[in-house]
């Protein structure tokens, strides 16, 4: 092995050690950063009206109890709770996208800004978004 190939090989390992962890890390974001779209919130409102409103009033999700339950926690926790337990008569029966749409609607109800990208359904991506008070 020549000195040049040894140096290039070592350089590749160093680069891999630096880049691989950075690629896997999710940048922390806040619900204040526009993490859902207006269209997603509109879809979520339709789902909420058809699947949730018979048991839950929308204003139930804009009070201090709602904030206290999820404040400072990753949005994944809200997604996990809702998708595991709702609708009450058939928990887990909605598509993952529908649960994300409903959460987008709840964020809109709380006056969090809409953004350019739909709220994701991926655990890692949702875990990188923190719930905060508006």
N, C-alpha and C. Protein backbone atom coordinates (compact mmCIF):
# COMPACT_ATOMS: atom_id res chain seq x y z
N UNK A 1 0.85 -1.17 0.00
CA UNK A 1 0.00 0.00 0.00
C UNK A 1 0.90 1.24 0.00
N UNK A 2 0.62 2.12 -0.90
CA UNK A 2 1.43 3.34 -0.97
C UNK A 2 0.97 4.33 0.10
N UNK A 3 1.83 5.29 0.37
CA UNK A 3 1.50 6.30 1.37
C UNK A 3 0.26 7.08 0.93
N UNK A 4 0.15 7.36 -0.36
CA UNK A 4 -1.00 8.13 -0.87
C UNK A 4 -2.31 7.36 -0.66
N UNK A 5 -2.32 6.08 -0.98
CA UNK A 5 -3.55 5.31 -0.82
C UNK A 5 -3.89 5.14 0.66
N UNK A 6 -2.86 5.03 1.51
CA UNK A 6 -3.10 4.93 2.94
C UNK A 6 -3.74 6.21 3.48
N UNK A 7 -3.24 7.36 3.04
CA UNK A 7 -3.78 8.66 3.47
C UNK A 7 -5.20 8.82 2.96
N UNK A 8 -5.47 8.45 1.71
CA UNK A 8 -6.82 8.55 1.15
C UNK A 8 -7.79 7.63 1.91
N UNK A 9 -7.31 6.43 2.23
CA UNK A 9 -8.14 5.50 2.99
C UNK A 9 -8.46 6.04 4.37
N UNK A 10 -7.48 6.57 5.05
CA UNK A 10 -7.67 7.15 6.37
C UNK A 10 -8.62 8.34 6.30
N UNK A 11 -8.43 9.16 5.27
CA UNK A 11 -9.31 10.32 5.08
C UNK A 11 -10.76 9.91 4.88
N UNK A 12 -10.97 8.81 4.17
CA UNK A 12 -12.34 8.31 3.95
C UNK A 12 -12.97 7.87 5.27
N UNK A 13 -12.21 7.19 6.11
CA UNK A 13 -12.72 6.76 7.41
C UNK A 13 -13.06 7.94 8.30
N UNK A 14 -12.20 8.92 8.33
CA UNK A 14 -12.46 10.11 9.15
C UNK A 14 -13.72 10.82 8.66
N UNK A 15 -13.86 10.97 7.36
CA UNK A 15 -15.03 11.61 6.79
C UNK A 15 -16.30 10.83 7.14
N UNK A 16 -16.23 9.51 7.05
CA UNK A 16 -17.39 8.68 7.40
C UNK A 16 -17.75 8.83 8.87
N UNK A 17 -16.76 8.87 9.74
CA UNK A 17 -17.03 9.02 11.17
C UNK A 17 -17.67 10.36 11.50
N UNK A 18 -17.37 11.38 10.73
CA UNK A 18 -17.94 12.71 10.95
C UNK A 18 -19.32 12.84 10.33
N UNK A 19 -19.50 12.34 9.12
CA UNK A 19 -20.74 12.55 8.39
C UNK A 19 -21.87 11.61 8.78
N UNK A 20 -21.59 10.36 9.03
CA UNK A 20 -22.65 9.40 9.29
C UNK A 20 -23.49 9.78 10.51
N UNK A 21 -22.92 10.13 11.67
CA UNK A 21 -23.77 10.56 12.77
C UNK A 21 -24.57 11.82 12.44
N UNK A 22 -24.01 12.73 11.70
CA UNK A 22 -24.71 13.97 11.36
C UNK A 22 -25.90 13.69 10.45
N UNK A 23 -25.76 12.72 9.54
CA UNK A 23 -26.86 12.39 8.65
C UNK A 23 -28.01 11.74 9.39
N UNK A 24 -27.72 10.97 10.42
CA UNK A 24 -28.76 10.29 11.17
C UNK A 24 -29.46 11.18 12.18
N UNK A 25 -28.85 12.25 12.57
CA UNK A 25 -29.43 13.13 13.58
C UNK A 25 -30.51 14.00 12.97
N UNK A 26 -31.60 14.14 13.70
CA UNK A 26 -32.68 15.01 13.27
C UNK A 26 -32.51 16.36 13.94
N UNK A 27 -32.63 17.40 13.15
CA UNK A 27 -32.57 18.75 13.70
C UNK A 27 -33.84 19.00 14.52
N UNK A 28 -33.68 19.48 15.75
CA UNK A 28 -34.83 19.76 16.60
C UNK A 28 -35.59 20.95 16.06
N UNK A 29 -36.90 20.82 16.04
CA UNK A 29 -37.78 21.88 15.57
C UNK A 29 -38.89 22.07 16.59
N UNK A 30 -39.67 23.09 16.37
CA UNK A 30 -40.79 23.41 17.24
C UNK A 30 -42.06 23.48 16.40
N UNK A 31 -43.20 23.28 17.04
CA UNK A 31 -44.47 23.44 16.33
C UNK A 31 -44.65 24.89 15.88
N UNK A 32 -43.82 25.79 16.41
CA UNK A 32 -43.85 27.20 16.00
C UNK A 32 -43.16 27.42 14.65
N UNK A 33 -42.52 26.37 14.12
CA UNK A 33 -41.74 26.48 12.89
C UNK A 33 -42.51 26.17 11.61
N UNK A 34 -43.83 26.02 11.69
CA UNK A 34 -44.61 25.69 10.50
C UNK A 34 -44.39 24.27 10.05
N UNK A 35 -44.81 23.32 10.86
CA UNK A 35 -44.50 21.90 10.60
C UNK A 35 -45.64 21.14 9.91
N UNK A 36 -46.71 21.82 9.57
CA UNK A 36 -47.84 21.22 8.85
C UNK A 36 -48.24 22.21 7.75
N UNK A 37 -49.07 21.76 6.82
CA UNK A 37 -49.55 22.66 5.78
C UNK A 37 -51.02 23.03 6.05
N UNK A 38 -51.45 24.12 5.45
CA UNK A 38 -52.85 24.54 5.57
C UNK A 38 -53.77 23.46 4.99
N UNK A 39 -53.36 22.88 3.87
CA UNK A 39 -54.15 21.81 3.24
C UNK A 39 -54.26 20.60 4.16
N UNK A 40 -53.19 20.28 4.86
CA UNK A 40 -53.21 19.16 5.79
C UNK A 40 -54.18 19.44 6.94
N UNK A 41 -54.14 20.65 7.47
CA UNK A 41 -55.06 21.02 8.54
C UNK A 41 -56.52 20.96 8.07
N UNK A 42 -56.76 21.35 6.83
CA UNK A 42 -58.12 21.26 6.27
C UNK A 42 -58.57 19.81 6.17
N UNK A 43 -57.66 18.93 5.71
CA UNK A 43 -57.99 17.50 5.67
C UNK A 43 -58.24 16.97 7.08
N UNK A 44 -57.42 17.44 8.02
CA UNK A 44 -57.58 17.02 9.41
C UNK A 44 -58.91 17.45 10.00
N UNK A 45 -59.38 18.63 9.61
CA UNK A 45 -60.67 19.11 10.10
C UNK A 45 -61.79 18.19 9.60
N UNK A 46 -61.70 17.75 8.35
CA UNK A 46 -62.70 16.83 7.79
C UNK A 46 -62.69 15.52 8.57
N UNK A 47 -61.50 14.98 8.82
CA UNK A 47 -61.39 13.73 9.58
C UNK A 47 -61.93 13.95 11.00
N UNK A 48 -61.54 15.05 11.62
CA UNK A 48 -61.99 15.34 12.98
C UNK A 48 -63.51 15.38 13.04
N UNK A 49 -64.12 16.07 12.10
CA UNK A 49 -65.59 16.17 12.09
C UNK A 49 -66.25 14.81 11.92
N UNK A 50 -65.67 13.95 11.09
CA UNK A 50 -66.30 12.67 10.82
C UNK A 50 -65.96 11.59 11.85
N UNK A 51 -64.79 11.66 12.46
CA UNK A 51 -64.36 10.57 13.35
C UNK A 51 -64.23 10.97 14.82
N UNK A 52 -64.08 12.26 15.11
CA UNK A 52 -63.75 12.68 16.48
C UNK A 52 -64.82 13.53 17.14
N UNK A 53 -65.52 14.33 16.34
CA UNK A 53 -66.43 15.34 16.89
C UNK A 53 -67.61 14.77 17.65
N UNK A 54 -67.97 13.51 17.42
CA UNK A 54 -69.08 12.94 18.18
C UNK A 54 -68.73 12.78 19.66
N UNK A 55 -67.44 12.72 19.99
CA UNK A 55 -67.00 12.59 21.39
C UNK A 55 -66.20 13.81 21.89
N UNK A 56 -65.58 14.54 20.97
CA UNK A 56 -64.66 15.61 21.37
C UNK A 56 -65.00 16.93 20.68
N UNK A 57 -65.13 17.98 21.47
CA UNK A 57 -65.30 19.33 20.92
C UNK A 57 -63.92 19.88 20.58
N UNK A 58 -63.79 20.60 19.48
CA UNK A 58 -62.48 21.15 19.09
C UNK A 58 -61.84 22.00 20.19
N UNK A 59 -62.64 22.76 20.94
CA UNK A 59 -62.06 23.64 21.97
C UNK A 59 -61.42 22.86 23.11
N UNK A 60 -61.70 21.59 23.20
CA UNK A 60 -61.05 20.74 24.21
C UNK A 60 -59.54 20.65 23.97
N UNK A 61 -59.12 20.95 22.76
CA UNK A 61 -57.72 20.82 22.38
C UNK A 61 -56.99 22.16 22.31
N UNK A 62 -57.58 23.16 22.96
CA UNK A 62 -56.95 24.48 22.99
C UNK A 62 -56.82 25.01 24.41
N UNK A 63 -56.97 24.15 25.39
CA UNK A 63 -56.90 24.61 26.78
C UNK A 63 -55.59 24.20 27.44
N UNK A 64 -55.41 24.62 28.68
CA UNK A 64 -54.17 24.32 29.40
C UNK A 64 -53.95 22.83 29.62
N UNK A 65 -55.01 22.06 29.81
CA UNK A 65 -54.85 20.62 30.00
C UNK A 65 -54.20 19.99 28.77
N UNK A 66 -54.63 20.42 27.60
CA UNK A 66 -54.03 19.92 26.35
C UNK A 66 -52.54 20.25 26.30
N UNK A 67 -52.20 21.50 26.62
CA UNK A 67 -50.79 21.91 26.62
C UNK A 67 -50.00 21.15 27.67
N UNK A 68 -50.57 21.04 28.85
CA UNK A 68 -49.86 20.37 29.95
C UNK A 68 -49.55 18.92 29.59
N UNK A 69 -50.45 18.29 28.89
CA UNK A 69 -50.25 16.88 28.52
C UNK A 69 -49.06 16.68 27.59
N UNK A 70 -48.81 17.66 26.72
CA UNK A 70 -47.79 17.47 25.69
C UNK A 70 -46.68 18.52 25.67
N UNK A 71 -46.76 19.52 26.53
CA UNK A 71 -45.78 20.62 26.51
C UNK A 71 -44.36 20.11 26.70
N UNK A 72 -43.48 20.57 25.81
CA UNK A 72 -42.07 20.21 25.89
C UNK A 72 -41.75 18.81 25.42
N UNK A 73 -42.76 18.08 24.97
CA UNK A 73 -42.56 16.70 24.53
C UNK A 73 -42.51 16.65 23.00
N UNK A 74 -41.90 15.61 22.47
CA UNK A 74 -41.90 15.46 21.01
C UNK A 74 -43.31 15.21 20.50
N UNK A 75 -43.58 15.71 19.31
CA UNK A 75 -44.90 15.53 18.71
C UNK A 75 -45.21 14.05 18.49
N UNK A 76 -44.17 13.22 18.45
CA UNK A 76 -44.40 11.78 18.31
C UNK A 76 -45.28 11.26 19.45
N UNK A 77 -45.12 11.80 20.65
CA UNK A 77 -45.93 11.33 21.78
C UNK A 77 -47.41 11.58 21.55
N UNK A 78 -47.75 12.75 21.01
CA UNK A 78 -49.15 13.03 20.69
C UNK A 78 -49.64 12.08 19.61
N UNK A 79 -48.86 11.91 18.56
CA UNK A 79 -49.22 11.01 17.47
C UNK A 79 -49.43 9.60 18.01
N UNK A 80 -48.55 9.14 18.86
CA UNK A 80 -48.61 7.79 19.42
C UNK A 80 -49.87 7.60 20.27
N UNK A 81 -50.16 8.56 21.13
CA UNK A 81 -51.35 8.47 21.99
C UNK A 81 -52.62 8.46 21.15
N UNK A 82 -52.71 9.39 20.21
CA UNK A 82 -53.92 9.48 19.40
C UNK A 82 -54.09 8.25 18.52
N UNK A 83 -53.03 7.82 17.87
CA UNK A 83 -53.16 6.68 16.95
C UNK A 83 -53.39 5.36 17.69
N UNK A 84 -52.93 5.26 18.94
CA UNK A 84 -53.16 4.04 19.72
C UNK A 84 -54.54 3.98 20.36
N UNK A 85 -55.17 5.15 20.58
CA UNK A 85 -56.40 5.15 21.37
C UNK A 85 -57.63 5.72 20.67
N UNK A 86 -57.47 6.26 19.48
CA UNK A 86 -58.60 6.89 18.81
C UNK A 86 -58.80 6.32 17.41
N UNK A 87 -60.03 6.38 16.91
CA UNK A 87 -61.25 6.75 17.62
C UNK A 87 -61.58 5.72 18.70
N UNK A 88 -62.27 6.19 19.71
CA UNK A 88 -62.54 5.34 20.88
C UNK A 88 -63.23 4.04 20.52
N UNK A 89 -64.10 4.06 19.50
CA UNK A 89 -64.84 2.85 19.13
C UNK A 89 -64.05 1.93 18.20
N UNK A 90 -62.89 2.38 17.72
CA UNK A 90 -62.07 1.56 16.83
C UNK A 90 -60.63 2.10 16.80
N UNK A 91 -59.92 2.01 17.93
CA UNK A 91 -58.57 2.59 18.02
C UNK A 91 -57.63 2.07 16.93
N UNK A 92 -56.84 3.00 16.39
CA UNK A 92 -55.85 2.63 15.39
C UNK A 92 -56.40 2.38 14.00
N UNK A 93 -57.67 2.69 13.78
CA UNK A 93 -58.29 2.34 12.51
C UNK A 93 -58.05 3.34 11.38
N UNK A 94 -57.54 4.51 11.70
CA UNK A 94 -57.27 5.50 10.65
C UNK A 94 -55.90 5.25 10.03
N UNK A 95 -55.72 5.79 8.84
CA UNK A 95 -54.40 5.74 8.20
C UNK A 95 -53.47 6.67 8.98
N UNK A 96 -52.17 6.38 8.96
CA UNK A 96 -51.20 7.23 9.64
C UNK A 96 -51.31 8.67 9.16
N UNK A 97 -51.52 8.84 7.86
CA UNK A 97 -51.65 10.18 7.29
C UNK A 97 -52.85 10.92 7.88
N UNK A 98 -53.93 10.19 8.16
CA UNK A 98 -55.12 10.83 8.74
C UNK A 98 -54.85 11.29 10.17
N UNK A 99 -54.10 10.49 10.93
CA UNK A 99 -53.73 10.93 12.28
C UNK A 99 -52.86 12.19 12.21
N UNK A 100 -51.92 12.21 11.27
CA UNK A 100 -51.08 13.40 11.10
C UNK A 100 -51.92 14.60 10.67
N UNK A 101 -52.90 14.37 9.81
CA UNK A 101 -53.78 15.45 9.38
C UNK A 101 -54.56 16.03 10.56
N UNK A 102 -55.06 15.16 11.43
CA UNK A 102 -55.79 15.63 12.61
C UNK A 102 -54.87 16.45 13.51
N UNK A 103 -53.65 16.01 13.69
CA UNK A 103 -52.70 16.78 14.51
C UNK A 103 -52.42 18.13 13.85
N UNK A 104 -52.32 18.15 12.53
CA UNK A 104 -52.18 19.42 11.82
C UNK A 104 -53.35 20.34 12.12
N UNK A 105 -54.55 19.78 12.14
CA UNK A 105 -55.76 20.57 12.48
C UNK A 105 -55.67 21.09 13.92
N UNK A 106 -55.23 20.25 14.85
CA UNK A 106 -55.10 20.69 16.25
C UNK A 106 -54.07 21.81 16.38
N UNK A 107 -53.00 21.72 15.61
CA UNK A 107 -51.99 22.78 15.63
C UNK A 107 -52.58 24.09 15.08
N UNK A 108 -53.39 23.96 14.03
CA UNK A 108 -54.05 25.15 13.48
C UNK A 108 -54.99 25.77 14.51
N UNK A 109 -55.76 24.93 15.21
CA UNK A 109 -56.67 25.42 16.24
C UNK A 109 -55.93 26.23 17.30
N UNK A 110 -54.68 25.89 17.51
CA UNK A 110 -53.87 26.56 18.53
C UNK A 110 -53.02 27.69 17.94
N UNK A 111 -53.37 28.08 16.72
CA UNK A 111 -52.72 29.22 16.05
C UNK A 111 -51.23 29.04 15.78
N UNK A 112 -50.79 27.78 15.66
CA UNK A 112 -49.42 27.55 15.22
C UNK A 112 -49.39 27.77 13.71
N UNK A 113 -48.32 28.34 13.20
CA UNK A 113 -48.28 28.67 11.77
C UNK A 113 -48.18 27.42 10.89
N UNK A 114 -48.80 27.53 9.72
CA UNK A 114 -48.66 26.48 8.71
C UNK A 114 -47.34 26.71 7.98
N UNK A 115 -46.85 25.66 7.36
CA UNK A 115 -45.61 25.74 6.61
C UNK A 115 -45.78 25.20 5.21
N UNK A 116 -44.69 24.77 4.63
CA UNK A 116 -44.66 24.32 3.24
C UNK A 116 -44.73 22.80 3.09
N UNK A 117 -44.56 22.07 4.21
CA UNK A 117 -44.47 20.61 4.15
C UNK A 117 -45.46 19.99 5.13
N UNK A 118 -46.14 18.93 4.69
CA UNK A 118 -47.05 18.21 5.58
C UNK A 118 -46.31 17.68 6.80
N UNK A 119 -47.02 17.60 7.89
CA UNK A 119 -46.50 16.97 9.09
C UNK A 119 -46.18 15.53 8.74
N UNK A 120 -45.00 15.04 9.09
CA UNK A 120 -44.62 13.67 8.72
C UNK A 120 -45.34 12.63 9.58
N UNK A 121 -45.24 11.38 9.16
CA UNK A 121 -45.81 10.28 9.93
C UNK A 121 -44.70 9.41 10.53
N UNK A 122 -43.48 9.70 10.20
CA UNK A 122 -42.31 8.95 10.63
C UNK A 122 -41.97 9.27 12.09
N UNK A 123 -41.71 8.23 12.89
CA UNK A 123 -41.41 8.41 14.32
C UNK A 123 -40.21 9.31 14.55
N UNK A 124 -39.13 9.09 13.81
CA UNK A 124 -37.93 9.91 14.02
C UNK A 124 -38.18 11.37 13.71
N UNK A 125 -38.89 11.63 12.60
CA UNK A 125 -39.17 13.03 12.22
C UNK A 125 -40.09 13.69 13.25
N UNK A 126 -41.12 12.99 13.71
CA UNK A 126 -42.04 13.55 14.71
C UNK A 126 -41.34 13.72 16.06
N UNK A 127 -40.40 12.86 16.35
CA UNK A 127 -39.65 12.96 17.61
C UNK A 127 -38.76 14.18 17.65
N UNK A 128 -38.46 14.74 16.48
CA UNK A 128 -37.59 15.92 16.40
C UNK A 128 -38.38 17.23 16.47
N UNK A 129 -39.72 17.14 16.58
CA UNK A 129 -40.57 18.34 16.66
C UNK A 129 -41.13 18.43 18.07
N UNK A 130 -40.84 19.54 18.76
CA UNK A 130 -41.31 19.71 20.13
C UNK A 130 -42.60 20.51 20.19
N UNK A 131 -43.50 20.08 21.08
CA UNK A 131 -44.74 20.80 21.35
C UNK A 131 -44.44 21.94 22.32
N UNK A 132 -44.87 23.12 21.96
CA UNK A 132 -44.69 24.29 22.82
C UNK A 132 -45.99 25.07 22.90
N UNK A 133 -46.08 25.95 23.85
CA UNK A 133 -47.22 26.86 23.91
C UNK A 133 -47.06 27.91 22.83
N UNK A 134 -48.18 28.35 22.25
CA UNK A 134 -48.08 29.40 21.22
C UNK A 134 -47.58 30.71 21.82
